[in-house]
Amino acid sequence: MEALEFNKQFFQSVTHGNLQIEEIIDLIKFFLEESPNAEYSLVIGTDSHEKNGTPNGGAKKINLVTAVLIHRKGFGGKYFWIRKEVGNIHTLRDKIYAETITSLNFATSFVPLLKKGLNGHSPNYNLEIHVDVGEHGDTRDMIKEVVGMVTGNGFVAKTKPDAYGASYVADKHT
């Protein structure tokens, strides 16, 4: 997702329905302020699935779903997601890069908006970007690359099995 592109779109929430980014920030702020001494994680993760009807032999189109979660350790959390379609995906590597770059672009735009909305009055949280790669399976050779992309941009990267933001929450809505 291009920087600030998500400002023009609605996010989804099982609990709250369609939301704009400002509403998500307000909900996260309220959630953080309910228990200011708790330990929190802010998680951003993207997953994708090939769209039905992609022609054989051509570039694939995929549905990319980016999820943002706020988790109060030991007490649950809230999450929101947004979906977009992208094309020109030829390989698994292209797909994993598209997911990782989408999460990075989202985090780069969203985190400053969240910090501005919190205005320094909310508890601290650990920020993590969850990447849908792991030691088992076809993505194991890409772990160093995508973790390097995330950490090189100043974020903490989590991979499977700890990447629930991408491999479970975002995946649920692709």
Protein backbone atom coordinates (compact mmCIF):
# COMPACT_ATOMS: atom_id res chain seq x y z
CA MET A 1 0.00 0.00 0.00
CA GLU A 2 1.43 3.36 -0.95
CA ALA A 3 2.05 5.82 1.85
CA LEU A 4 -1.19 7.39 3.06
CA GLU A 5 -3.22 5.47 0.42
CA PHE A 6 -5.07 3.82 3.30
CA ASN A 7 -6.40 7.22 4.38
CA LYS A 8 -8.83 7.07 1.44
CA GLN A 9 -10.15 3.60 2.20
CA PHE A 10 -12.23 1.92 4.85
CA PHE A 11 -10.81 -0.67 7.18
CA GLN A 12 -12.88 -3.56 8.46
CA SER A 13 -13.49 -4.71 12.00
CA VAL A 14 -15.52 -7.68 13.17
CA THR A 15 -16.65 -5.64 16.17
CA HIS A 16 -16.90 -2.13 14.73
CA GLY A 17 -17.66 -2.58 11.00
CA ASN A 18 -16.27 -0.12 8.42
CA LEU A 19 -13.82 2.40 9.86
CA GLN A 20 -11.62 5.21 8.68
CA ILE A 21 -8.07 5.48 9.93
CA GLU A 22 -8.90 8.22 12.46
CA GLU A 23 -11.55 5.98 14.03
CA ILE A 24 -9.04 3.13 14.35
CA ILE A 25 -6.58 5.44 16.09
CA ASP A 26 -9.31 6.56 18.50
CA LEU A 27 -10.25 2.93 19.27
CA ILE A 28 -6.60 1.97 19.85
CA LYS A 29 -6.11 5.02 22.08
CA PHE A 30 -9.18 4.13 24.15
CA PHE A 31 -8.02 0.49 24.41
CA LEU A 32 -4.56 1.57 25.62
CA GLU A 33 -5.99 4.01 28.13
CA GLU A 34 -8.35 1.42 29.66
CA SER A 35 -5.39 -0.23 31.35
CA PRO A 36 -2.37 2.10 31.14
CA ASN A 37 -0.04 -0.13 33.18
CA ALA A 38 -0.57 -3.24 31.05
CA GLU A 39 1.93 -4.53 28.50
CA TYR A 40 0.90 -3.99 24.86
CA SER A 41 1.96 -5.04 21.39
CA LEU A 42 1.04 -3.21 18.21
CA VAL A 43 1.27 -5.70 15.37
CA ILE A 44 1.17 -5.10 11.63
CA GLY A 45 1.07 -8.03 9.24
CA THR A 46 0.10 -8.72 5.64
CA ASP A 47 -0.90 -11.95 3.93
CA SER A 48 -2.09 -12.69 0.43
CA HIS A 49 -3.85 -15.29 -1.65
CA GLU A 50 -4.07 -15.72 -5.37
CA LYS A 51 -7.33 -14.48 -6.80
CA ASN A 52 -9.65 -16.95 -8.48
CA GLY A 53 -9.64 -16.83 -12.25
CA THR A 54 -5.97 -15.88 -12.74
CA PRO A 55 -5.02 -17.05 -16.24
CA ASN A 56 -2.43 -19.82 -16.49
CA GLY A 57 1.00 -18.73 -17.57
CA GLY A 58 0.41 -15.03 -16.93
CA ALA A 59 1.17 -12.75 -14.05
CA LYS A 60 -0.93 -13.54 -11.03
CA LYS A 61 -3.22 -11.18 -9.21
CA ILE A 62 -3.40 -11.48 -5.46
CA ASN A 63 -5.57 -10.14 -2.68
CA LEU A 64 -3.35 -8.49 -0.08
CA VAL A 65 -4.79 -8.09 3.40
CA THR A 66 -3.00 -5.92 5.95
CA ALA A 67 -4.03 -6.29 9.57
CA VAL A 68 -3.23 -3.97 12.46
CA LEU A 69 -3.67 -5.46 15.93
CA ILE A 70 -3.43 -4.02 19.40
CA HIS A 71 -2.87 -6.75 21.98
CA ARG A 72 -2.99 -6.36 25.74
CA LYS A 73 -0.80 -9.20 27.03
CA GLY A 74 -2.96 -11.75 28.79
CA PHE A 75 -6.21 -9.87 28.12
CA GLY A 76 -6.92 -10.05 24.37
CA GLY A 77 -7.06 -7.27 21.86
CA LYS A 78 -8.62 -5.69 18.81
CA TYR A 79 -7.75 -5.87 15.14
CA PHE A 80 -8.61 -4.13 11.90
CA TRP A 81 -7.83 -5.02 8.31
CA ILE A 82 -7.81 -3.62 4.81
CA ARG A 83 -7.76 -5.49 1.48
CA LYS A 84 -6.39 -4.55 -1.91
CA GLU A 85 -5.69 -6.34 -5.16
CA VAL A 86 -2.28 -6.25 -6.83
CA GLY A 87 -1.04 -7.72 -10.06
CA ASN A 88 2.25 -8.57 -11.71
CA ILE A 89 3.03 -11.31 -9.19
CA HIS A 90 5.01 -14.07 -10.91
CA THR A 91 6.70 -16.02 -8.11
CA LEU A 92 6.48 -16.84 -4.43
CA ARG A 93 9.34 -14.35 -3.91
CA ASP A 94 7.26 -11.60 -5.58
CA LYS A 95 4.34 -12.49 -3.30
CA ILE A 96 6.41 -12.38 -0.09
CA TYR A 97 8.05 -9.09 -1.14
CA ALA A 98 4.63 -7.58 -1.91
CA GLU A 99 3.38 -8.62 1.54
CA THR A 100 6.46 -7.28 3.34
CA ILE A 101 6.58 -3.99 1.45
CA THR A 102 2.87 -3.46 2.04
CA SER A 103 3.36 -3.92 5.80
CA LEU A 104 6.36 -1.58 5.79
CA ASN A 105 4.53 1.12 3.83
CA PHE A 106 1.55 0.84 6.14
CA ALA A 107 3.70 1.01 9.30
CA THR A 108 5.69 3.96 7.99
CA SER A 109 2.48 5.95 7.47
CA PHE A 110 0.34 4.62 10.32
CA VAL A 111 2.76 4.80 13.26
CA PRO A 112 3.31 8.60 13.06
CA LEU A 113 -0.48 9.12 12.83
CA LEU A 114 -0.99 6.88 15.86
CA LYS A 115 1.72 8.67 17.86
CA LYS A 116 0.14 12.02 17.00
CA GLY A 117 -3.28 10.70 18.05
CA LEU A 118 -1.91 9.37 21.34
CA ASN A 119 -0.32 12.75 22.07
CA GLY A 120 2.15 11.19 24.50
CA HIS A 121 -0.53 10.28 27.05
CA SER A 122 -0.90 6.55 26.44
CA PRO A 123 1.14 3.58 27.60
CA ASN A 124 4.04 2.30 25.61
CA TYR A 125 3.66 -0.63 23.25
CA ASN A 126 6.02 -2.95 21.45
CA LEU A 127 5.72 -2.51 17.68
CA GLU A 128 6.16 -5.66 15.59
CA ILE A 129 5.85 -6.38 11.89
CA HIS A 130 4.80 -9.96 11.26
CA VAL A 131 6.14 -11.54 8.09
CA ASP A 132 4.59 -14.68 6.62
CA VAL A 133 7.84 -16.67 6.30
CA GLY A 134 9.20 -19.48 8.43
CA GLU A 135 11.86 -22.15 8.89
CA HIS A 136 9.59 -24.83 7.39
CA GLY A 137 8.36 -24.66 3.83
CA ASP A 138 9.24 -22.80 0.66
CA THR A 139 9.81 -19.43 2.32
CA ARG A 140 12.70 -20.50 4.59
CA ASP A 141 15.30 -19.22 2.09
CA MET A 142 13.77 -15.73 2.26
CA ILE A 143 13.83 -15.21 6.03
CA LYS A 144 17.09 -13.22 6.15
CA GLU A 145 16.03 -11.03 3.21
CA VAL A 146 12.63 -9.98 4.51
CA VAL A 147 13.71 -9.71 8.14
CA GLY A 148 16.55 -7.50 6.89
CA MET A 149 14.04 -5.33 5.00
CA VAL A 150 11.95 -4.88 8.14
CA THR A 151 14.81 -4.28 10.58
CA GLY A 152 16.57 -2.04 8.06
CA ASN A 153 13.50 0.20 8.23
CA GLY A 154 13.73 0.38 12.01
CA PHE A 155 11.04 -2.15 12.97
CA VAL A 156 11.08 -5.45 14.86
CA ALA A 157 10.32 -8.43 12.62
CA LYS A 158 8.58 -11.63 13.71
CA THR A 159 8.43 -14.77 11.56
CA LYS A 160 6.43 -17.98 11.80
CA PRO A 161 5.42 -19.41 14.20
CA ASP A 162 5.37 -16.03 16.02
CA ALA A 163 3.96 -14.07 13.05
CA TYR A 164 0.29 -14.49 13.95
CA GLY A 165 -0.59 -11.03 12.61
CA ALA A 166 0.20 -12.21 9.08
CA SER A 167 -0.18 -15.97 9.19
CA TYR A 168 -3.42 -16.09 11.17
CA VAL A 169 -5.25 -12.74 11.42
CA ALA A 170 -4.55 -11.30 7.95
CA ASP A 171 -4.80 -14.78 6.42
CA LYS A 172 -8.29 -15.16 7.87
CA HIS A 173 -9.51 -12.27 5.69
CA THR A 174 -7.70 -12.91 2.38
